Amino acid sequence: MLAIFSLLVILTISILVTRIATVALVHTGLSREVARFQSRSAFTGVGFTTQESEKVVNHPVRRKILMLLMFLGNVGFVSTISTLVLGFMDKGEPGAFTWLFRLGILATGVVLLWLLAISHWVDRWLSRVISWALRKWSGLEVMDYYTMLNLSGEYRVSSLHVNRGDWLASKKLSDLLLNKEGILVLGIRRTDESYVGTPTGDTEIEPGDTLILYGRDKSIRDLDERSPDHKGDISHKKAVEEQKEVVKKQEKAENIRKGGNRSDNG
């Protein structure tokens, strides 16, 4: 039984290590989704695509973080297998009830750890604690751009790949009017790896481009799934109307807040 609990402790430490690495990578400027993927890939030894690996290798801080993750991942894998084997070995011949009991304890522990790992509340709490610890005890001074931009739970920074025939393809930003949908185009990465920062209305989106977008999660997902025909134009008009309602609610909330402040000052 001691080996089973030891295994659960190892799994807990593994989850915590990847969470710390994720927050550290976010502080280097990666989005949270990319940072989470990178840290888990390095820890498990799965590896990266060429484009993703270049983002890490070319950044000295990210490279150090992931090298440490790879080392800890190898140690953790060996420890996990060894502990798992010991957990189901006994000096005598364990009966069926003993096997089922041990499997039940292990399964319950793994499920609880998984629920904690996917909990948004735990993620927010741990991220705050880890960020505070990194600032206090590490030399990581890079600004956390993702946290700065993620002002609300429904807003995020995301990348969107444009394929030939998509609703976005071969159109100028001034024609798309994405800002009226509440979506800001922060930059465009071309197929030749060139980058267009703060694109203007005359900038044309080409097939193969990757857009760096900021907006509500739902708006970006709808844009990614938008039909290239007239149905896409209808979806655009609907998204514009939805954004108008969002703006009205925000303005109403601001007026209430300002009115409350005036009352407090009065």
Protein backbone atom coordinates (compact mmCIF):
# COMPACT_ATOMS: atom_id res chain seq x y z
CA MET A 1 0.00 0.00 0.00
CA LEU A 2 2.90 2.35 0.75
CA ALA A 3 4.10 1.96 -2.84
CA ILE A 4 0.63 2.92 -4.16
CA PHE A 5 0.60 6.13 -2.12
CA SER A 6 4.18 6.81 -3.20
CA LEU A 7 3.06 6.50 -6.82
CA LEU A 8 0.24 9.01 -6.24
CA VAL A 9 2.75 11.39 -4.65
CA ILE A 10 5.02 11.05 -7.72
CA LEU A 11 2.07 11.80 -10.02
CA THR A 12 1.13 14.83 -7.92
CA ILE A 13 4.68 16.17 -8.10
CA SER A 14 4.73 15.56 -11.86
CA ILE A 15 1.53 17.58 -12.35
CA LEU A 16 2.90 20.36 -10.15
CA VAL A 17 6.21 20.43 -12.05
CA THR A 18 4.48 20.79 -15.44
CA ARG A 19 2.20 23.48 -14.00
CA ILE A 20 5.19 25.47 -12.72
CA ALA A 21 6.89 25.08 -16.11
CA THR A 22 3.72 26.24 -17.89
CA VAL A 23 3.55 29.43 -15.84
CA ALA A 24 7.28 30.02 -16.35
CA LEU A 25 6.89 29.64 -20.13
CA VAL A 26 3.93 32.02 -20.10
CA HIS A 27 6.24 34.57 -18.49
CA THR A 28 8.52 34.26 -21.52
CA GLY A 29 5.70 35.43 -23.79
CA LEU A 30 4.07 32.15 -24.89
CA SER A 31 0.29 31.83 -24.78
CA ARG A 32 -1.05 29.56 -22.05
CA GLU A 33 -2.20 26.90 -24.52
CA VAL A 34 1.20 26.70 -26.23
CA ALA A 35 3.06 26.81 -22.90
CA ARG A 36 0.95 23.95 -21.52
CA PHE A 37 1.56 21.85 -24.63
CA GLN A 38 5.28 22.56 -24.61
CA SER A 39 5.75 21.70 -20.94
CA ARG A 40 3.76 18.46 -21.13
CA SER A 41 5.54 17.41 -24.32
CA ALA A 42 8.97 18.02 -22.81
CA PHE A 43 8.12 16.27 -19.55
CA THR A 44 6.72 13.18 -21.28
CA GLY A 45 9.44 13.19 -23.97
CA VAL A 46 6.91 13.26 -26.81
CA GLY A 47 8.69 16.03 -28.71
CA PHE A 48 7.53 19.00 -30.78
CA THR A 49 6.84 19.97 -34.34
CA THR A 50 9.64 21.83 -36.14
CA GLN A 51 7.94 25.23 -35.79
CA GLU A 52 7.24 24.74 -32.10
CA SER A 53 10.77 23.51 -31.36
CA GLU A 54 12.29 26.56 -33.06
CA LYS A 55 10.31 28.85 -30.75
CA VAL A 56 11.93 27.09 -27.79
CA VAL A 57 15.46 26.52 -29.06
CA ASN A 58 15.88 30.13 -30.16
CA HIS A 59 14.87 31.45 -26.72
CA PRO A 60 17.51 30.83 -24.01
CA VAL A 61 15.10 30.94 -21.04
CA ARG A 62 12.58 28.59 -22.63
CA ARG A 63 15.41 26.23 -23.61
CA LYS A 64 16.62 26.00 -20.00
CA ILE A 65 13.09 25.39 -18.69
CA LEU A 66 12.42 22.56 -21.12
CA MET A 67 15.84 20.94 -20.66
CA LEU A 68 15.09 20.73 -16.93
CA LEU A 69 11.64 19.32 -17.70
CA MET A 70 13.13 16.62 -19.92
CA PHE A 71 15.55 15.59 -17.17
CA LEU A 72 12.83 15.50 -14.50
CA GLY A 73 10.51 13.65 -16.88
CA ASN A 74 13.03 10.85 -17.42
CA VAL A 75 13.60 10.50 -13.69
CA GLY A 76 9.87 10.59 -13.02
CA PHE A 77 9.10 7.93 -15.63
CA VAL A 78 11.58 5.47 -14.14
CA SER A 79 10.32 6.19 -10.61
CA THR A 80 6.69 5.75 -11.68
CA ILE A 81 7.27 2.37 -13.34
CA SER A 82 9.35 1.10 -10.42
CA THR A 83 6.79 2.22 -7.86
CA LEU A 84 3.92 0.78 -9.88
CA VAL A 85 5.61 -2.62 -10.05
CA LEU A 86 6.35 -2.57 -6.32
CA GLY A 87 2.78 -1.54 -5.59
CA PHE A 88 1.42 -4.77 -7.01
CA MET A 89 4.12 -7.11 -5.74
CA ASP A 90 3.83 -8.87 -2.43
CA LYS A 91 5.96 -11.34 -0.50
CA GLY A 92 3.05 -13.72 -0.52
CA GLU A 93 0.54 -14.40 -3.28
CA PRO A 94 -2.03 -11.57 -3.11
CA GLY A 95 -5.64 -12.60 -3.40
CA ALA A 96 -8.21 -11.24 -5.82
CA PHE A 97 -9.65 -8.90 -3.15
CA THR A 98 -6.20 -7.41 -2.47
CA TRP A 99 -5.62 -6.77 -6.16
CA LEU A 100 -9.03 -5.14 -6.56
CA PHE A 101 -8.54 -3.04 -3.45
CA ARG A 102 -5.16 -1.75 -4.65
CA LEU A 103 -6.53 -1.06 -8.12
CA GLY A 104 -9.47 0.81 -6.55
CA ILE A 105 -7.17 2.98 -4.42
CA LEU A 106 -4.95 3.73 -7.43
CA ALA A 107 -7.88 4.50 -9.75
CA THR A 108 -9.53 6.77 -7.17
CA GLY A 109 -6.30 8.67 -6.61
CA VAL A 110 -5.67 9.11 -10.34
CA VAL A 111 -9.22 10.36 -10.93
CA LEU A 112 -8.94 12.88 -8.09
CA LEU A 113 -5.59 14.11 -9.44
CA TRP A 114 -7.09 14.43 -12.93
CA LEU A 115 -10.05 16.45 -11.61
CA LEU A 116 -7.66 18.76 -9.79
CA ALA A 117 -5.48 19.09 -12.89
CA ILE A 118 -8.39 20.24 -15.10
CA SER A 119 -10.01 22.46 -12.45
CA HIS A 120 -10.04 26.13 -13.58
CA TRP A 121 -10.21 27.30 -9.95
CA VAL A 122 -7.13 25.28 -9.01
CA ASP A 123 -5.39 26.49 -12.18
CA ARG A 124 -6.01 30.16 -11.33
CA TRP A 125 -4.97 29.73 -7.69
CA LEU A 126 -1.83 27.76 -8.53
CA SER A 127 -0.89 30.17 -11.33
CA ARG A 128 -1.03 33.13 -8.93
CA VAL A 129 1.06 31.38 -6.32
CA ILE A 130 3.60 30.13 -8.87
CA SER A 131 3.83 33.55 -10.56
CA TRP A 132 4.48 35.19 -7.19
CA ALA A 133 7.15 32.60 -6.35
CA LEU A 134 8.85 32.97 -9.74
CA ARG A 135 9.02 36.74 -9.38
CA LYS A 136 10.33 36.50 -5.83
CA TRP A 137 12.90 33.71 -6.11
CA SER A 138 13.85 33.47 -9.79
CA GLY A 139 15.55 35.72 -12.30
CA LEU A 140 12.61 35.47 -14.69
CA GLU A 141 11.91 39.10 -15.52
CA VAL A 142 10.07 38.66 -18.83
CA MET A 143 6.62 40.28 -18.90
CA ASP A 144 3.61 37.95 -18.86
CA TYR A 145 1.85 39.31 -21.96
CA TYR A 146 -0.85 36.65 -21.93
CA THR A 147 -1.99 37.56 -18.44
CA MET A 148 -1.95 41.25 -19.34
CA LEU A 149 -4.25 40.68 -22.31
CA ASN A 150 -6.48 38.06 -20.71
CA LEU A 151 -8.51 40.66 -18.81
CA SER A 152 -11.57 38.45 -18.50
CA GLY A 153 -12.26 34.73 -18.57
CA GLU A 154 -13.98 34.97 -21.98
CA TYR A 155 -11.14 36.89 -23.67
CA ARG A 156 -7.99 35.30 -25.03
CA VAL A 157 -5.13 35.57 -27.49
CA SER A 158 -5.23 32.85 -30.13
CA SER A 159 -3.73 31.91 -33.48
CA LEU A 160 -5.90 31.03 -36.47
CA HIS A 161 -4.57 29.35 -39.63
CA VAL A 162 -6.19 30.52 -42.88
CA ASN A 163 -6.69 27.88 -45.57
CA ARG A 164 -7.44 28.48 -49.24
CA GLY A 165 -11.19 28.96 -49.65
CA ASP A 166 -11.77 30.16 -46.08
CA TRP A 167 -14.03 33.14 -45.49
CA LEU A 168 -10.98 35.18 -44.46
CA ALA A 169 -8.75 34.23 -47.39
CA SER A 170 -7.74 36.79 -50.07
CA LYS A 171 -9.55 39.68 -48.37
CA LYS A 172 -8.33 42.96 -46.94
CA LEU A 173 -8.82 43.64 -43.23
CA SER A 174 -10.80 46.78 -44.12
CA ASP A 175 -13.32 44.57 -45.97
CA LEU A 176 -13.59 41.99 -43.20
CA LEU A 177 -14.45 44.49 -40.42
CA LEU A 178 -13.33 42.04 -37.74
CA ASN A 179 -13.08 44.89 -35.23
CA LYS A 180 -16.86 45.26 -35.41
CA GLU A 181 -17.04 41.64 -34.23
CA GLY A 182 -14.81 42.52 -31.28
CA ILE A 183 -11.79 40.74 -32.78
CA LEU A 184 -8.42 42.50 -33.07
CA VAL A 185 -5.74 41.25 -35.47
CA LEU A 186 -2.48 41.70 -33.56
CA GLY A 187 -0.24 40.28 -36.27
CA ILE A 188 0.04 37.99 -39.28
CA ARG A 189 2.66 35.29 -39.84
CA ARG A 190 3.14 34.63 -43.55
CA THR A 191 3.99 31.29 -45.14
CA ASP A 192 7.57 32.47 -45.74
CA GLU A 193 7.92 33.05 -41.95
CA SER A 194 7.81 36.85 -42.33
CA TYR A 195 5.69 38.66 -39.77
CA VAL A 196 3.32 41.62 -40.20
CA GLY A 197 2.95 43.45 -36.89
CA THR A 198 -0.04 45.73 -36.27
CA PRO A 199 -1.48 45.19 -39.77
CA THR A 200 -3.49 48.01 -41.38
CA GLY A 201 -6.79 47.94 -43.22
CA ASP A 202 -4.98 47.57 -46.55
CA THR A 203 -3.25 44.38 -45.38
CA GLU A 204 -4.55 41.38 -47.31
CA ILE A 205 -4.92 37.99 -45.68
CA GLU A 206 -3.35 35.33 -47.86
CA PRO A 207 -4.04 31.57 -47.85
CA GLY A 208 -1.58 29.92 -45.51
CA ASP A 209 -1.33 32.92 -43.19
CA THR A 210 -1.56 32.48 -39.43
CA LEU A 211 -3.42 35.29 -37.70
CA ILE A 212 -2.70 36.31 -34.11
CA LEU A 213 -6.08 37.37 -32.74
CA TYR A 214 -7.43 38.89 -29.56
CA GLY A 215 -11.10 38.70 -28.66
CA ARG A 216 -13.81 36.69 -27.00
CA ASP A 217 -13.28 32.93 -27.11
CA LYS A 218 -16.68 32.33 -28.74
CA SER A 219 -16.09 34.97 -31.43
CA ILE A 220 -12.73 33.47 -32.43
CA ARG A 221 -14.13 29.93 -32.54
CA ASP A 222 -17.07 31.09 -34.69
CA LEU A 223 -14.65 32.87 -37.03
CA ASP A 224 -12.54 29.73 -37.37
CA GLU A 225 -15.63 27.66 -38.28
CA ARG A 226 -17.19 30.27 -40.60
CA SER A 227 -18.47 29.07 -43.96
CA PRO A 228 -16.73 30.58 -47.04
CA ASP A 229 -19.98 31.22 -48.95
CA HIS A 230 -22.84 33.68 -48.35
CA LYS A 231 -23.56 31.89 -45.08
CA GLY A 232 -20.24 33.28 -43.84
CA ASP A 233 -21.42 36.82 -44.56
CA ILE A 234 -24.62 36.12 -42.62
CA SER A 235 -22.54 34.78 -39.72
CA HIS A 236 -20.43 37.95 -39.85
CA LYS A 237 -23.51 40.19 -39.62
CA LYS A 238 -24.82 38.11 -36.72
CA ALA A 239 -21.45 38.37 -34.94
CA VAL A 240 -21.49 42.17 -35.41
CA GLU A 241 -24.93 42.38 -33.81
CA GLU A 242 -23.80 40.16 -30.92
CA GLN A 243 -20.80 42.42 -30.36
CA LYS A 244 -23.09 45.47 -30.24
CA GLU A 245 -25.01 43.78 -27.41
CA VAL A 246 -21.72 43.01 -25.63
CA VAL A 247 -20.68 46.67 -25.93
CA LYS A 248 -24.06 47.84 -24.59
CA LYS A 249 -23.71 45.57 -21.56
CA GLN A 250 -20.17 46.81 -20.94
CA GLU A 251 -21.27 50.45 -21.22
CA LYS A 252 -24.17 49.78 -18.85
CA ALA A 253 -21.82 48.13 -16.34
CA GLU A 254 -19.42 51.09 -16.64
CA ASN A 255 -22.20 53.60 -16.03
CA ILE A 256 -23.33 51.67 -12.95
CA ARG A 257 -19.74 51.54 -11.68
CA LYS A 258 -19.21 55.26 -12.25
CA GLY A 259 -22.53 56.05 -10.59
CA GLY A 260 -21.53 53.94 -7.60
CA ASN A 261 -18.19 55.72 -7.35
CA ARG A 262 -19.86 59.12 -7.43
CA SER A 263 -22.23 58.02 -4.68
CA ASP A 264 -19.33 56.82 -2.54
CA ASN A 265 -17.44 60.09 -3.07
CA GLY A 266 -20.55 62.12 -2.36
